[in-house]
Amino acid sequence: MEPFTKLTAIAVPIDQANVDTDQIIPARYLGRSREQQVEGFFHDMRLDLNGRPREGVTLNDPAYKGAQIIVGNHNFACGSSRENAVTTMVDNGFRAFVAPSFGDIFFNNCFQNGALPIRLPTERVARLRVILHELPGAKLAIDLAAQTVVGPDGQTDKFDIDSFRKDMLLKGTDSIDFTLGYQQDIARFEDGQRRDMPWL
């Protein structure tokens, strides 16, 4: 997993509250390979029934091309527990999400996939979305070590993050890698258990 340290990138605003995981990747894409799921990214929000880009959707605006940050609204990525909601966005180039609140399962899945969900106050997130609409292509600067987000207006906002999750992201480590770091201890425990409790 790629470490997350600093990210300065174009941010795209999504004003809708309660964006759910089925909007991020519709269920009909879940049986496909991860590579094929990429095209499911906000498919029904971005495209009409004929596959044409919908007017007024920021994700279709060329000014936001190459965006790596989404600035959302309340309860971003709520709904079902599909991890694909994170992986399809990561595979489409997104590494960070800023919102007042997130769906709990999505929030937790982000850390397992090298993505950073950032909670900021409602008023500040709303202001960032306004700025990003006014200045399409504007960038946010995120510094995980310092736990800061700098907006296009120059304002710096601090965010909270669990210290363990922060360390894992900085190192590019997921829970499996973390567990494998204790392989020798696990082997010693299992050897002792076999010796002391051979009936198991």
C-alpha atoms as a PDB file:
ATOM      1  CA  MET A   1       0.000   0.000   0.000  1.00  0.00           C
ATOM      2  CA  GLU A   2       1.343   3.434  -0.929  1.00  0.00           C
ATOM      3  CA  PRO A   3       2.211   5.602   2.095  1.00  0.00           C
ATOM      4  CA  PHE A   4       0.155   8.741   2.593  1.00  0.00           C
ATOM      5  CA  THR A   5       2.267  11.672   3.754  1.00  0.00           C
ATOM      6  CA  LYS A   6       1.378  14.872   1.912  1.00  0.00           C
ATOM      7  CA  LEU A   7      -1.034  15.509  -0.925  1.00  0.00           C
ATOM      8  CA  THR A   8      -1.528  18.722  -2.869  1.00  0.00           C
ATOM      9  CA  ALA A   9      -4.129  18.099  -5.527  1.00  0.00           C
ATOM     10  CA  ILE A  10      -7.220  19.336  -7.340  1.00  0.00           C
ATOM     11  CA  ALA A  11     -10.340  18.897  -5.235  1.00  0.00           C
ATOM     12  CA  VAL A  12     -13.803  18.316  -6.664  1.00  0.00           C
ATOM     13  CA  PRO A  13     -16.927  19.347  -4.722  1.00  0.00           C
ATOM     14  CA  ILE A  14     -19.973  17.100  -4.371  1.00  0.00           C
ATOM     15  CA  ASP A  15     -22.795  19.059  -2.740  1.00  0.00           C
ATOM     16  CA  GLN A  16     -25.297  16.235  -2.261  1.00  0.00           C
ATOM     17  CA  ALA A  17     -25.700  14.998   1.307  1.00  0.00           C
ATOM     18  CA  ASN A  18     -26.068  11.291   2.123  1.00  0.00           C
ATOM     19  CA  VAL A  19     -24.208  10.078  -0.960  1.00  0.00           C
ATOM     20  CA  ASP A  20     -24.374   6.325  -0.508  1.00  0.00           C
ATOM     21  CA  THR A  21     -22.088   3.516  -1.549  1.00  0.00           C
ATOM     22  CA  ASP A  22     -24.504   2.348  -4.252  1.00  0.00           C
ATOM     23  CA  GLN A  23     -24.118   5.737  -5.916  1.00  0.00           C
ATOM     24  CA  ILE A  24     -20.350   5.490  -5.668  1.00  0.00           C
ATOM     25  CA  ILE A  25     -20.388   2.035  -7.281  1.00  0.00           C
ATOM     26  CA  PRO A  26     -23.744   0.557  -8.317  1.00  0.00           C
ATOM     27  CA  ALA A  27     -24.348  -3.023  -7.153  1.00  0.00           C
ATOM     28  CA  ARG A  28     -24.315  -4.386 -10.723  1.00  0.00           C
ATOM     29  CA  TYR A  29     -20.552  -3.726 -10.875  1.00  0.00           C
ATOM     30  CA  LEU A  30     -19.678  -5.689  -7.750  1.00  0.00           C
ATOM     31  CA  GLY A  31     -19.339  -9.063  -9.459  1.00  0.00           C
ATOM     32  CA  ARG A  32     -16.697  -7.741 -11.821  1.00  0.00           C
ATOM     33  CA  SER A  33     -12.942  -7.716 -11.385  1.00  0.00           C
ATOM     34  CA  ARG A  34     -11.449  -4.759  -9.584  1.00  0.00           C
ATOM     35  CA  GLU A  35     -10.075  -3.431 -12.877  1.00  0.00           C
ATOM     36  CA  GLN A  36     -13.541  -3.572 -14.444  1.00  0.00           C
ATOM     37  CA  GLN A  37     -15.138  -1.865 -11.445  1.00  0.00           C
ATOM     38  CA  VAL A  38     -13.284   1.361 -12.275  1.00  0.00           C
ATOM     39  CA  GLU A  39     -15.935   2.327 -14.828  1.00  0.00           C
ATOM     40  CA  GLY A  40     -18.637   1.979 -12.176  1.00  0.00           C
ATOM     41  CA  PHE A  41     -17.321   5.044 -10.342  1.00  0.00           C
ATOM     42  CA  PHE A  42     -20.398   7.262  -9.735  1.00  0.00           C
ATOM     43  CA  HIS A  43     -21.719   5.763 -12.987  1.00  0.00           C
ATOM     44  CA  ASP A  44     -25.383   6.677 -12.629  1.00  0.00           C
ATOM     45  CA  MET A  45     -24.634  10.119 -11.261  1.00  0.00           C
ATOM     46  CA  ARG A  46     -22.224  10.915 -14.081  1.00  0.00           C
ATOM     47  CA  LEU A  47     -24.024   9.338 -17.030  1.00  0.00           C
ATOM     48  CA  ASP A  48     -27.594   9.243 -18.300  1.00  0.00           C
ATOM     49  CA  LEU A  49     -29.396   6.093 -19.484  1.00  0.00           C
ATOM     50  CA  ASN A  50     -27.762   6.473 -22.908  1.00  0.00           C
ATOM     51  CA  GLY A  51     -24.286   6.694 -21.420  1.00  0.00           C
ATOM     52  CA  ARG A  52     -23.929  10.411 -22.089  1.00  0.00           C
ATOM     53  CA  PRO A  53     -22.340  12.693 -19.450  1.00  0.00           C
ATOM     54  CA  ARG A  54     -24.960  14.516 -17.400  1.00  0.00           C
ATOM     55  CA  GLU A  55     -24.924  18.305 -17.414  1.00  0.00           C
ATOM     56  CA  GLY A  56     -23.922  20.111 -14.240  1.00  0.00           C
ATOM     57  CA  VAL A  57     -22.142  17.164 -12.600  1.00  0.00           C
ATOM     58  CA  THR A  58     -18.807  18.335 -11.235  1.00  0.00           C
ATOM     59  CA  LEU A  59     -17.235  14.927 -11.788  1.00  0.00           C
ATOM     60  CA  ASN A  60     -17.810  15.469 -15.537  1.00  0.00           C
ATOM     61  CA  ASP A  61     -16.306  18.963 -15.617  1.00  0.00           C
ATOM     62  CA  PRO A  62     -12.918  18.980 -17.401  1.00  0.00           C
ATOM     63  CA  ALA A  63     -11.749  21.701 -14.994  1.00  0.00           C
ATOM     64  CA  TYR A  64     -11.605  19.057 -12.241  1.00  0.00           C
ATOM     65  CA  LYS A  65      -9.736  16.525 -14.391  1.00  0.00           C
ATOM     66  CA  GLY A  66      -7.068  14.743 -12.382  1.00  0.00           C
ATOM     67  CA  ALA A  67      -8.729  15.507  -9.040  1.00  0.00           C
ATOM     68  CA  GLN A  68      -7.477  13.378  -6.157  1.00  0.00           C
ATOM     69  CA  ILE A  69      -9.622  14.844  -3.394  1.00  0.00           C
ATOM     70  CA  ILE A  70     -13.406  14.891  -2.984  1.00  0.00           C
ATOM     71  CA  VAL A  71     -15.016  17.512  -0.761  1.00  0.00           C
ATOM     72  CA  GLY A  72     -18.407  16.118   0.142  1.00  0.00           C
ATOM     73  CA  ASN A  73     -21.343  16.836   2.383  1.00  0.00           C
ATOM     74  CA  HIS A  74     -22.919  15.232   5.462  1.00  0.00           C
ATOM     75  CA  ASN A  75     -22.853  11.439   5.797  1.00  0.00           C
ATOM     76  CA  PHE A  76     -20.652  10.937   2.743  1.00  0.00           C
ATOM     77  CA  ALA A  77     -20.493   7.285   1.614  1.00  0.00           C
ATOM     78  CA  CYS A  78     -23.228   5.974   3.872  1.00  0.00           C
ATOM     79  CA  GLY A  79     -25.141   2.792   3.147  1.00  0.00           C
ATOM     80  CA  SER A  80     -23.887  -0.741   2.598  1.00  0.00           C
ATOM     81  CA  SER A  81     -20.549  -2.068   3.752  1.00  0.00           C
ATOM     82  CA  ARG A  82     -19.026  -2.586   0.303  1.00  0.00           C
ATOM     83  CA  GLU A  83     -15.275  -1.984   0.413  1.00  0.00           C
ATOM     84  CA  ASN A  84     -15.489  -1.449  -3.339  1.00  0.00           C
ATOM     85  CA  ALA A  85     -16.776   2.064  -2.623  1.00  0.00           C
ATOM     86  CA  VAL A  86     -13.286   2.918  -1.425  1.00  0.00           C
ATOM     87  CA  THR A  87     -11.285   0.859  -3.897  1.00  0.00           C
ATOM     88  CA  THR A  88     -13.130   2.145  -6.958  1.00  0.00           C
ATOM     89  CA  MET A  89     -12.407   5.726  -5.895  1.00  0.00           C
ATOM     90  CA  VAL A  90      -8.766   4.923  -5.119  1.00  0.00           C
ATOM     91  CA  ASP A  91      -8.478   3.207  -8.515  1.00  0.00           C
ATOM     92  CA  ASN A  92      -9.892   6.383 -10.097  1.00  0.00           C
ATOM     93  CA  GLY A  93      -7.090   8.391  -8.499  1.00  0.00           C
ATOM     94  CA  PHE A  94      -8.707   9.671  -5.287  1.00  0.00           C
ATOM     95  CA  ARG A  95      -6.619   9.537  -2.101  1.00  0.00           C
ATOM     96  CA  ALA A  96      -8.509  11.814   0.302  1.00  0.00           C
ATOM     97  CA  PHE A  97     -12.068  12.774   1.206  1.00  0.00           C
ATOM     98  CA  VAL A  98     -13.141  15.833   3.194  1.00  0.00           C
ATOM     99  CA  ALA A  99     -16.626  16.023   4.697  1.00  0.00           C
ATOM    100  CA  PRO A 100     -18.431  16.942   7.909  1.00  0.00           C
ATOM    101  CA  SER A 101     -19.271  13.258   8.474  1.00  0.00           C
ATOM    102  CA  PHE A 102     -18.913   9.868   6.811  1.00  0.00           C
ATOM    103  CA  GLY A 103     -20.633   6.522   6.799  1.00  0.00           C
ATOM    104  CA  ASP A 104     -18.858   4.583   9.556  1.00  0.00           C
ATOM    105  CA  ILE A 105     -17.987   1.526   7.477  1.00  0.00           C
ATOM    106  CA  PHE A 106     -16.641   3.601   4.601  1.00  0.00           C
ATOM    107  CA  PHE A 107     -14.599   5.682   7.060  1.00  0.00           C
ATOM    108  CA  ASN A 108     -12.972   2.535   8.458  1.00  0.00           C
ATOM    109  CA  ASN A 109     -12.427   0.980   5.019  1.00  0.00           C
ATOM    110  CA  CYS A 110     -10.498   4.030   3.852  1.00  0.00           C
ATOM    111  CA  PHE A 111      -7.630   3.279   6.218  1.00  0.00           C
ATOM    112  CA  GLN A 112      -7.356  -0.285   4.896  1.00  0.00           C
ATOM    113  CA  ASN A 113      -6.879   1.048   1.371  1.00  0.00           C
ATOM    114  CA  GLY A 114      -4.446   3.932   1.795  1.00  0.00           C
ATOM    115  CA  ALA A 115      -7.079   6.663   1.645  1.00  0.00           C
ATOM    116  CA  LEU A 116      -7.552   9.465   4.157  1.00  0.00           C
ATOM    117  CA  PRO A 117     -11.042  10.555   5.289  1.00  0.00           C
ATOM    118  CA  ILE A 118     -10.956  13.971   6.979  1.00  0.00           C
ATOM    119  CA  ARG A 119     -13.740  15.391   9.108  1.00  0.00           C
ATOM    120  CA  LEU A 120     -13.944  19.189   9.268  1.00  0.00           C
ATOM    121  CA  PRO A 121     -16.700  21.452  10.639  1.00  0.00           C
ATOM    122  CA  THR A 122     -19.831  21.753   8.522  1.00  0.00           C
ATOM    123  CA  GLU A 123     -19.413  25.477   7.886  1.00  0.00           C
ATOM    124  CA  ARG A 124     -15.814  25.083   6.742  1.00  0.00           C
ATOM    125  CA  VAL A 125     -16.580  22.208   4.401  1.00  0.00           C
ATOM    126  CA  ALA A 126     -19.486  24.156   2.909  1.00  0.00           C
ATOM    127  CA  ARG A 127     -17.164  27.125   2.355  1.00  0.00           C
ATOM    128  CA  LEU A 128     -14.570  24.897   0.672  1.00  0.00           C
ATOM    129  CA  ARG A 129     -17.204  23.577  -1.717  1.00  0.00           C
ATOM    130  CA  VAL A 130     -18.263  27.135  -2.602  1.00  0.00           C
ATOM    131  CA  ILE A 131     -14.642  28.071  -3.322  1.00  0.00           C
ATOM    132  CA  LEU A 132     -14.115  24.965  -5.445  1.00  0.00           C
ATOM    133  CA  HIS A 133     -17.218  25.796  -7.488  1.00  0.00           C
ATOM    134  CA  GLU A 134     -15.999  29.348  -7.951  1.00  0.00           C
ATOM    135  CA  LEU A 135     -12.443  28.270  -8.789  1.00  0.00           C
ATOM    136  CA  PRO A 136     -12.691  24.943 -10.658  1.00  0.00           C
ATOM    137  CA  GLY A 137      -9.332  23.223 -10.620  1.00  0.00           C
ATOM    138  CA  ALA A 138      -8.273  24.776  -7.309  1.00  0.00           C
ATOM    139  CA  LYS A 139      -6.194  22.609  -4.997  1.00  0.00           C
ATOM    140  CA  LEU A 140      -6.162  21.565  -1.362  1.00  0.00           C
ATOM    141  CA  ALA A 141      -2.925  20.771   0.451  1.00  0.00           C
ATOM    142  CA  ILE A 142      -3.074  17.975   3.006  1.00  0.00           C
ATOM    143  CA  ASP A 143      -0.261  17.203   5.442  1.00  0.00           C
ATOM    144  CA  LEU A 144      -0.982  14.055   7.406  1.00  0.00           C
ATOM    145  CA  ALA A 145       1.950  14.367   9.805  1.00  0.00           C
ATOM    146  CA  ALA A 146       0.877  17.907  10.738  1.00  0.00           C
ATOM    147  CA  GLN A 147      -2.827  16.958  10.496  1.00  0.00           C
ATOM    148  CA  THR A 148      -3.633  20.044   8.421  1.00  0.00           C
ATOM    149  CA  VAL A 149      -5.639  20.964   5.343  1.00  0.00           C
ATOM    150  CA  VAL A 150      -4.858  24.224   3.539  1.00  0.00           C
ATOM    151  CA  GLY A 151      -7.657  25.502   1.332  1.00  0.00           C
ATOM    152  CA  PRO A 152      -7.426  27.568  -1.861  1.00  0.00           C
ATOM    153  CA  ASP A 153      -8.156  30.611   0.318  1.00  0.00           C
ATOM    154  CA  GLY A 154      -5.007  30.005   2.344  1.00  0.00           C
ATOM    155  CA  GLN A 155      -6.841  29.021   5.514  1.00  0.00           C
ATOM    156  CA  THR A 156      -5.310  26.146   7.457  1.00  0.00           C
ATOM    157  CA  ASP A 157      -7.599  23.725   9.270  1.00  0.00           C
ATOM    158  CA  LYS A 158      -6.475  21.072  11.740  1.00  0.00           C
ATOM    159  CA  PHE A 159      -8.125  17.659  11.744  1.00  0.00           C
ATOM    160  CA  ASP A 160      -8.201  14.802  14.230  1.00  0.00           C
ATOM    161  CA  ILE A 161      -7.095  11.276  13.463  1.00  0.00           C
ATOM    162  CA  ASP A 162      -6.452   8.208  15.574  1.00  0.00           C
ATOM    163  CA  SER A 163      -2.686   7.979  16.182  1.00  0.00           C
ATOM    164  CA  PHE A 164      -2.486   4.286  15.245  1.00  0.00           C
ATOM    165  CA  ARG A 165      -4.308   4.843  11.946  1.00  0.00           C
ATOM    166  CA  LYS A 166      -2.172   7.874  11.229  1.00  0.00           C
ATOM    167  CA  ASP A 167       1.000   5.845  11.723  1.00  0.00           C
ATOM    168  CA  MET A 168      -0.305   3.057   9.486  1.00  0.00           C
ATOM    169  CA  LEU A 169      -1.097   5.494   6.665  1.00  0.00           C
ATOM    170  CA  LEU A 170       2.260   7.254   6.965  1.00  0.00           C
ATOM    171  CA  LYS A 171       4.013   3.884   6.677  1.00  0.00           C
ATOM    172  CA  GLY A 172       1.717   2.512   3.973  1.00  0.00           C
ATOM    173  CA  THR A 173       0.759  -0.421   6.184  1.00  0.00           C
ATOM    174  CA  ASP A 174      -2.611  -2.150   6.490  1.00  0.00           C
ATOM    175  CA  SER A 175      -3.835  -4.438   9.272  1.00  0.00           C
ATOM    176  CA  ILE A 176      -2.543  -7.558   7.486  1.00  0.00           C
ATOM    177  CA  ASP A 177       0.960  -6.098   7.122  1.00  0.00           C
ATOM    178  CA  PHE A 178       0.820  -5.040  10.772  1.00  0.00           C
ATOM    179  CA  THR A 179      -0.102  -8.557  11.892  1.00  0.00           C
ATOM    180  CA  LEU A 180       2.604 -10.128   9.715  1.00  0.00           C
ATOM    181  CA  GLY A 181       5.116  -7.965  11.566  1.00  0.00           C
ATOM    182  CA  TYR A 182       4.491 -10.251  14.553  1.00  0.00           C
ATOM    183  CA  GLN A 183       5.088 -13.462  12.595  1.00  0.00           C
ATOM    184  CA  GLN A 184       7.946 -14.637  14.806  1.00  0.00           C
ATOM    185  CA  ASP A 185       5.922 -14.007  17.977  1.00  0.00           C
ATOM    186  CA  ILE A 186       2.965 -15.870  16.489  1.00  0.00           C
ATOM    187  CA  ALA A 187       5.201 -18.808  15.521  1.00  0.00           C
ATOM    188  CA  ARG A 188       6.671 -18.954  19.046  1.00  0.00           C
ATOM    189  CA  PHE A 189       3.175 -18.931  20.558  1.00  0.00           C
ATOM    190  CA  GLU A 190       1.978 -21.705  18.261  1.00  0.00           C
ATOM    191  CA  ASP A 191       5.079 -23.846  18.973  1.00  0.00           C
ATOM    192  CA  GLY A 192       4.503 -23.431  22.703  1.00  0.00           C
ATOM    193  CA  GLN A 193       0.836 -24.241  22.363  1.00  0.00           C
ATOM    194  CA  ARG A 194       1.570 -27.430  20.429  1.00  0.00           C
ATOM    195  CA  ARG A 195       4.089 -28.438  23.082  1.00  0.00           C
ATOM    196  CA  ASP A 196       1.955 -27.593  26.118  1.00  0.00           C
ATOM    197  CA  MET A 197      -1.450 -28.608  24.712  1.00  0.00           C
ATOM    198  CA  PRO A 198      -0.827 -31.375  22.150  1.00  0.00           C
ATOM    199  CA  TRP A 199      -4.463 -32.472  22.358  1.00  0.00           C
ATOM    200  CA  LEU A 200      -5.636 -29.293  20.580  1.00  0.00           C
END
